[in-house]
Amino acid sequence: MHRVPATRINVFMAAIPPRRSGRAARLQRVARRRTRAASRRVTAPIGSRPPGRNRRTLAPIAPAARQPAVITRADWWKRIQEAASTLAALGTLGVLIFAWLSIQQVDDEHALTREKQVTDRYNAAVNNIGGDSLEVRLGGIYALQRIMEDSHRDQPSIVNVLSTYIRDHAKKPKQVTDLPDRKQVVDVQAALTALGYRDPAYDGTARVDLSGSYLSRAYLRGANLTGANLTGADLSGATLLEAHLRGAYLSSADLQEADLKGADLRSADLRVADLRDGFLDGADLSGATLRGADLSSQVLSGVDLSGTILSGANLSGVDLHGANLSGADLRGADLRGTTGP
């Protein structure tokens, strides 16, 4: 039997790989498969779609679409007309804006001019009422009355000016022989007329103040003296027929023989007022204060005295037939010789 040399046996045994365990063999096979698969994979170019996705196919462009648009002469003419219309409209709008701005400027200039004219008229009128001549004073009063009608914003100051003028020029005389004649009170009557027939809606915070004035025999029929201050004024023999005296202050006023028929005296203050021999037929005195007033021998038939305060008033010999005395306060009133209601 031929024996193989030991050296050859060693070489043959070295060529045979060592036997591995089952787990190591499986891992080695998996690694070999992944290596072969990676070597066969083709690298996709940059920007290409991932495998499995369909590439979007674009619709073929028609040959007519590739050709540039040709603008005909008619199209050019239409575009020119549209541009001309747009420019014309913009021009018209610019003209309108310019005209509006011009009108506004003219209106502002007219307003400034008018205001300056009113101011000049006002200053001239105020200077005239301080003149020595009666005619000049009358002109100033009439000018102020006209300004009240033309410029309502100046009415409050004119009310104050005319009220001051009346108080200064209608002071009660110290003696009976000093009573002024009718010519001397013409300017006062003119000022009273201007105040009595104004529109009180534009008085603002101004109030007619004729307190302590001597206004005997003044003519104020239908005058609007609502809320006026006539405290201590002498209105004896004055014509106040249908006058508006609601809320007026007439305390201590002299109203002897005054004609107050149909007058509105609601809520008026007539404390200690002298109403003897006056005429109050149809007057409305509801809510008025007549505490301590003298109404002796007065005819109050048909007069509304509801809610009137007559405490301490002199009502001796008063005719109260048909008068409304509901809610009136008659505590301490002198009712001797009173007839009715």
Protein backbone atom coordinates (compact mmCIF):
# COMPACT_ATOMS: atom_id res chain seq x y z
CA MET A 1 0.00 0.00 0.00
CA HIS A 2 1.29 3.32 -1.17
CA ARG A 3 1.62 5.83 1.60
CA VAL A 4 1.06 9.56 1.00
CA PRO A 5 3.71 11.74 2.41
CA ALA A 6 2.74 13.73 5.46
CA THR A 7 3.64 17.05 3.83
CA ARG A 8 1.10 16.57 1.02
CA ILE A 9 -1.59 15.64 3.49
CA ASN A 10 -0.96 18.88 5.34
CA VAL A 11 -1.17 20.92 2.13
CA PHE A 12 -4.50 19.30 1.18
CA MET A 13 -5.99 19.90 4.57
CA ALA A 14 -4.99 23.55 4.44
CA ALA A 15 -6.83 24.01 1.11
CA ILE A 16 -10.11 22.79 2.63
CA PRO A 17 -11.84 25.69 4.41
CA PRO A 18 -12.70 25.13 7.98
CA ARG A 19 -16.24 24.06 8.75
CA ARG A 20 -18.43 26.71 10.24
CA SER A 21 -21.58 26.65 12.24
CA GLY A 22 -25.04 26.82 10.59
CA ARG A 23 -25.77 30.44 11.70
CA ALA A 24 -22.47 31.80 10.40
CA ALA A 25 -23.02 30.04 7.09
CA ARG A 26 -26.46 31.60 6.62
CA LEU A 27 -25.16 35.08 7.35
CA GLN A 28 -22.37 34.58 4.86
CA ARG A 29 -24.82 33.52 2.15
CA VAL A 30 -27.07 36.58 2.79
CA ALA A 31 -24.07 38.92 2.55
CA ARG A 32 -22.99 37.34 -0.76
CA ARG A 33 -26.49 37.74 -2.25
CA ARG A 34 -26.64 41.43 -1.28
CA THR A 35 -23.21 42.03 -2.78
CA ARG A 36 -24.24 40.45 -6.09
CA ALA A 37 -27.54 42.43 -6.18
CA ALA A 38 -25.76 45.72 -5.54
CA SER A 39 -23.27 45.06 -8.32
CA ARG A 40 -26.10 44.43 -10.79
CA ARG A 41 -28.08 47.66 -9.80
CA VAL A 42 -27.76 50.47 -12.37
CA THR A 43 -27.30 53.92 -10.90
CA ALA A 44 -30.10 56.22 -12.06
CA PRO A 45 -29.04 59.60 -13.56
CA ILE A 46 -29.63 62.80 -11.55
CA GLY A 47 -33.10 64.23 -12.02
CA SER A 48 -34.67 61.02 -13.29
CA ARG A 49 -37.83 59.60 -11.80
CA PRO A 50 -37.58 56.80 -9.25
CA PRO A 51 -38.26 53.33 -10.59
CA GLY A 52 -41.91 52.38 -10.68
CA ARG A 53 -43.21 55.88 -11.45
CA ASN A 54 -44.58 56.67 -14.83
CA ARG A 55 -43.20 59.65 -16.68
CA ARG A 56 -45.82 62.28 -17.50
CA THR A 57 -46.19 62.54 -21.20
CA LEU A 58 -46.78 66.03 -22.58
CA ALA A 59 -49.28 66.60 -25.30
CA PRO A 60 -47.66 67.36 -28.57
CA ILE A 61 -47.69 71.04 -29.45
CA ALA A 62 -49.64 71.80 -32.54
CA PRO A 63 -47.64 73.43 -35.30
CA ALA A 64 -50.05 76.40 -35.36
CA ALA A 65 -49.41 77.07 -31.68
CA ARG A 66 -45.69 77.33 -32.20
CA GLN A 67 -46.17 80.16 -34.70
CA PRO A 68 -46.01 83.75 -33.30
CA ALA A 69 -49.33 85.71 -33.06
CA VAL A 70 -49.88 88.03 -35.98
CA ILE A 71 -51.53 91.40 -35.07
CA THR A 72 -53.60 92.72 -37.91
CA ARG A 73 -54.18 96.37 -38.75
CA ALA A 74 -57.74 96.12 -37.44
CA ASP A 75 -56.44 94.94 -34.08
CA TRP A 76 -53.98 97.83 -33.93
CA TRP A 77 -56.76 100.30 -34.72
CA LYS A 78 -59.00 98.79 -32.02
CA ARG A 79 -56.23 99.07 -29.44
CA ILE A 80 -55.58 102.69 -30.40
CA GLN A 81 -59.27 103.50 -30.00
CA GLU A 82 -59.39 101.85 -26.56
CA ALA A 83 -56.31 103.77 -25.45
CA ALA A 84 -57.83 107.02 -26.74
CA SER A 85 -61.08 106.35 -24.86
CA THR A 86 -59.15 105.66 -21.67
CA LEU A 87 -57.16 108.87 -22.03
CA ALA A 88 -60.35 110.83 -22.70
CA ALA A 89 -62.00 109.40 -19.59
CA LEU A 90 -58.95 110.25 -17.48
CA GLY A 91 -58.93 113.74 -18.92
CA THR A 92 -62.62 114.23 -18.10
CA LEU A 93 -62.03 112.97 -14.56
CA GLY A 94 -59.13 115.38 -14.17
CA VAL A 95 -61.29 118.27 -15.39
CA LEU A 96 -64.04 117.34 -12.92
CA ILE A 97 -61.60 117.13 -10.03
CA PHE A 98 -60.08 120.49 -10.96
CA ALA A 99 -63.54 122.06 -11.25
CA TRP A 100 -64.57 120.66 -7.84
CA LEU A 101 -61.39 121.97 -6.20
CA SER A 102 -61.95 125.35 -7.84
CA ILE A 103 -65.54 125.50 -6.57
CA GLN A 104 -64.42 124.56 -3.09
CA GLN A 105 -61.80 127.27 -3.15
CA VAL A 106 -64.33 129.82 -4.39
CA ASP A 107 -66.81 128.77 -1.68
CA ASP A 108 -64.14 129.11 0.98
CA GLU A 109 -63.20 132.53 -0.31
CA HIS A 110 -66.86 133.59 -0.37
CA ALA A 111 -67.34 132.31 3.19
CA LEU A 112 -64.30 134.26 4.38
CA THR A 113 -65.49 137.35 2.56
CA ARG A 114 -68.99 137.01 3.98
CA GLU A 115 -67.64 136.48 7.49
CA LYS A 116 -65.49 139.57 7.16
CA GLN A 117 -68.48 141.57 5.93
CA VAL A 118 -70.61 140.39 8.85
CA THR A 119 -67.83 141.28 11.27
CA ASP A 120 -67.52 144.76 9.76
CA ARG A 121 -71.30 145.23 9.93
CA TYR A 122 -71.38 144.04 13.54
CA ASN A 123 -68.60 146.40 14.62
CA ALA A 124 -70.24 149.34 12.83
CA ALA A 125 -73.64 148.57 14.42
CA VAL A 126 -72.17 148.32 17.92
CA ASN A 127 -70.45 151.67 17.41
CA ASN A 128 -73.70 153.23 16.18
CA ILE A 129 -75.80 152.18 19.18
CA GLY A 130 -73.35 154.07 21.36
CA GLY A 131 -73.88 157.30 19.40
CA ASP A 132 -75.51 160.46 20.68
CA SER A 133 -78.04 160.76 17.88
CA LEU A 134 -81.28 158.80 18.20
CA GLU A 135 -81.33 158.14 14.47
CA VAL A 136 -77.82 156.67 14.57
CA ARG A 137 -78.73 154.46 17.53
CA LEU A 138 -81.85 153.22 15.75
CA GLY A 139 -79.78 152.40 12.68
CA GLY A 140 -77.40 150.37 14.82
CA ILE A 141 -80.28 148.45 16.45
CA TYR A 142 -81.88 147.63 13.10
CA ALA A 143 -78.48 146.55 11.76
CA LEU A 144 -78.01 144.14 14.68
CA GLN A 145 -81.49 142.75 14.12
CA ARG A 146 -80.65 142.09 10.46
CA ILE A 147 -77.35 140.45 11.41
CA MET A 148 -79.23 138.06 13.73
CA GLU A 149 -81.29 136.97 10.74
CA ASP A 150 -78.28 136.59 8.42
CA SER A 151 -75.74 135.10 10.83
CA HIS A 152 -77.12 132.81 13.53
CA ARG A 153 -73.67 132.30 15.01
CA ASP A 154 -73.63 135.98 16.05
CA GLN A 155 -77.07 135.89 17.68
CA PRO A 156 -75.92 135.07 21.24
CA SER A 157 -73.59 138.06 21.38
CA ILE A 158 -76.26 140.34 19.86
CA VAL A 159 -78.79 139.18 22.48
CA ASN A 160 -76.34 140.21 25.19
CA VAL A 161 -75.58 143.55 23.50
CA LEU A 162 -79.25 144.50 23.09
CA SER A 163 -80.11 143.37 26.63
CA THR A 164 -77.34 145.58 28.00
CA TYR A 165 -78.50 148.48 25.82
CA ILE A 166 -82.07 148.23 27.18
CA ARG A 167 -80.93 148.06 30.79
CA ASP A 168 -78.71 151.12 30.29
CA HIS A 169 -81.31 153.19 28.40
CA ALA A 170 -84.48 152.10 30.24
CA LYS A 171 -83.65 152.84 33.84
CA LYS A 172 -86.49 153.46 36.20
CA PRO A 173 -86.91 157.21 36.83
CA LYS A 174 -86.37 158.43 40.34
CA GLN A 175 -89.41 160.72 40.27
CA VAL A 176 -92.71 160.65 38.41
CA THR A 177 -91.88 163.93 36.70
CA ASP A 178 -88.83 162.24 35.16
CA LEU A 179 -90.94 159.86 33.09
CA PRO A 180 -89.64 159.83 29.52
CA ASP A 181 -91.88 160.82 26.65
CA ARG A 182 -92.63 158.43 23.79
CA LYS A 183 -89.86 159.85 21.60
CA GLN A 184 -87.24 159.03 24.18
CA VAL A 185 -88.17 155.33 24.34
CA VAL A 186 -88.34 154.68 20.60
CA ASP A 187 -84.87 153.14 20.55
CA VAL A 188 -85.70 150.98 23.58
CA GLN A 189 -88.87 149.74 21.89
CA ALA A 190 -86.86 148.95 18.76
CA ALA A 191 -84.41 146.89 20.82
CA LEU A 192 -87.31 145.11 22.56
CA THR A 193 -88.83 144.27 19.19
CA ALA A 194 -85.51 142.84 17.95
CA LEU A 195 -85.23 140.64 21.03
CA GLY A 196 -88.90 139.67 21.25
CA TYR A 197 -89.24 138.46 17.66
CA ARG A 198 -85.91 136.65 17.20
CA ASP A 199 -85.63 132.86 16.88
CA PRO A 200 -84.62 131.62 20.37
CA ALA A 201 -83.32 128.37 18.88
CA TYR A 202 -80.05 130.19 18.07
CA ASP A 203 -79.56 131.84 21.46
CA GLY A 204 -77.06 129.24 22.60
CA THR A 205 -76.18 129.99 26.21
CA ALA A 206 -77.32 133.62 25.99
CA ARG A 207 -80.44 134.76 27.83
CA VAL A 208 -82.50 137.90 27.58
CA ASP A 209 -81.74 139.86 30.73
CA LEU A 210 -83.97 142.90 31.29
CA SER A 211 -83.93 142.82 35.07
CA GLY A 212 -84.77 146.15 36.71
CA SER A 213 -85.64 147.81 33.38
CA TYR A 214 -88.35 150.44 33.06
CA LEU A 215 -90.58 149.05 30.30
CA SER A 216 -93.86 150.68 31.17
CA ARG A 217 -96.35 150.63 28.26
CA ALA A 218 -93.97 148.55 26.13
CA TYR A 219 -95.49 146.71 23.20
CA LEU A 220 -94.57 143.01 23.28
CA ARG A 221 -97.59 141.26 21.81
CA GLY A 222 -96.67 137.68 20.91
CA ALA A 223 -93.04 138.29 21.90
CA ASN A 224 -90.93 135.26 22.73
CA LEU A 225 -89.34 135.92 26.11
CA THR A 226 -89.19 132.31 27.27
CA GLY A 227 -86.86 132.03 30.24
CA ALA A 228 -86.10 135.76 30.18
CA ASN A 229 -84.91 137.53 33.31
CA LEU A 230 -87.45 140.27 34.06
CA THR A 231 -86.88 140.37 37.81
CA GLY A 232 -87.96 143.72 39.24
CA ALA A 233 -88.84 145.08 35.80
CA ASP A 234 -91.58 147.70 35.45
CA LEU A 235 -94.05 146.35 32.90
CA SER A 236 -97.05 148.32 34.09
CA GLY A 237 -99.53 148.89 31.29
CA ALA A 238 -97.41 146.77 28.91
CA THR A 239 -99.03 144.84 26.10
CA LEU A 240 -98.04 141.19 26.60
CA LEU A 241 -100.99 139.68 24.80
CA GLU A 242 -100.26 136.04 23.87
CA ALA A 243 -96.62 136.53 24.88
CA HIS A 244 -94.39 133.54 25.49
CA LEU A 245 -93.16 133.89 29.07
CA ARG A 246 -92.80 130.25 30.03
CA GLY A 247 -90.19 129.85 32.77
CA ALA A 248 -89.56 133.61 32.83
CA TYR A 249 -88.31 135.28 36.01
CA LEU A 250 -90.84 137.97 36.96
CA SER A 251 -90.39 138.09 40.72
CA SER A 252 -91.11 141.55 42.17
CA ALA A 253 -92.11 142.74 38.68
CA ASP A 254 -94.69 145.51 38.32
CA LEU A 255 -97.44 144.16 36.06
CA GLN A 256 -100.24 146.54 37.08
CA GLU A 257 -102.75 146.99 34.26
CA ALA A 258 -100.61 144.79 32.02
CA ASP A 259 -102.46 142.94 29.29
CA LEU A 260 -101.55 139.26 29.69
CA LYS A 261 -104.58 137.73 27.98
CA GLY A 262 -103.69 134.35 26.48
CA ALA A 263 -100.09 134.62 27.67
CA ASP A 264 -98.04 131.50 28.35
CA LEU A 265 -96.82 131.85 31.94
CA ARG A 266 -96.29 128.18 32.71
CA SER A 267 -93.66 127.58 35.40
CA ALA A 268 -92.99 131.33 35.53
CA ASP A 269 -91.60 132.87 38.72
CA LEU A 270 -94.05 135.59 39.83
CA ARG A 271 -93.22 135.79 43.49
CA VAL A 272 -94.29 139.10 45.07
CA ALA A 273 -95.28 140.36 41.61
CA ASP A 274 -97.90 143.11 41.38
CA LEU A 275 -100.69 141.93 39.08
CA ARG A 276 -103.44 144.29 40.23
CA ASP A 277 -105.92 145.50 37.64
CA GLY A 278 -104.23 143.39 34.97
CA PHE A 279 -105.84 141.20 32.34
CA LEU A 280 -105.20 137.48 32.59
CA ASP A 281 -108.16 136.08 30.64
CA GLY A 282 -107.21 132.76 29.04
CA ALA A 283 -103.66 132.90 30.39
CA ASP A 284 -101.89 129.67 31.33
CA LEU A 285 -100.35 129.91 34.82
CA SER A 286 -100.07 126.19 35.49
CA GLY A 287 -97.07 125.35 37.60
CA ALA A 288 -96.26 129.01 38.16
CA THR A 289 -95.06 130.40 41.49
CA LEU A 290 -97.20 133.27 42.78
CA ARG A 291 -96.16 133.16 46.41
CA GLY A 292 -96.93 136.54 47.99
CA ALA A 293 -98.15 138.00 44.67
CA ASP A 294 -100.88 140.66 44.63
CA LEU A 295 -103.82 139.63 42.43
CA SER A 296 -106.50 141.59 44.31
CA SER A 297 -109.65 142.40 42.32
CA GLN A 298 -108.28 140.35 39.43
CA VAL A 299 -110.53 138.46 37.04
CA LEU A 300 -109.18 134.94 36.70
CA SER A 301 -112.17 133.29 35.09
CA GLY A 302 -111.07 130.50 32.77
CA VAL A 303 -107.43 130.82 33.85
CA ASP A 304 -105.44 127.61 34.28
CA LEU A 305 -104.01 127.70 37.84
CA SER A 306 -103.41 123.95 38.19
CA GLY A 307 -100.39 123.20 40.32
CA THR A 308 -99.84 126.91 40.94
CA ILE A 309 -98.24 128.00 44.22
CA LEU A 310 -100.47 130.75 45.63
CA SER A 311 -99.42 130.50 49.25
CA GLY A 312 -99.53 133.93 50.90
CA ALA A 313 -100.93 135.56 47.74
CA ASN A 314 -103.48 138.36 47.90
CA LEU A 315 -106.60 137.02 46.18
CA SER A 316 -109.13 139.30 47.83
CA GLY A 317 -112.05 140.15 45.56
CA VAL A 318 -110.76 137.85 42.79
CA ASP A 319 -113.23 136.30 40.37
CA LEU A 320 -112.32 132.60 40.09
CA HIS A 321 -115.33 131.38 38.12
CA GLY A 322 -114.24 128.68 35.70
CA ALA A 323 -110.63 128.78 36.90
CA ASN A 324 -108.75 125.51 37.17
CA LEU A 325 -107.35 125.28 40.70
CA SER A 326 -106.60 121.56 40.78
CA GLY A 327 -103.47 120.91 42.80
CA ALA A 328 -103.01 124.62 43.58
CA ASP A 329 -101.37 125.58 46.87
CA LEU A 330 -103.56 128.18 48.61
CA ARG A 331 -102.11 127.98 52.10
CA GLY A 332 -102.07 131.38 53.75
CA ALA A 333 -103.66 133.09 50.76
CA ASP A 334 -106.05 136.02 51.33
CA LEU A 335 -109.36 134.81 49.91
CA ARG A 336 -111.65 137.51 51.31
CA GLY A 337 -114.40 138.47 48.89
CA THR A 338 -113.32 135.79 46.41
CA THR A 339 -116.07 134.43 44.15
CA GLY A 340 -116.08 130.99 42.53
CA PRO A 341 -114.96 128.65 41.37
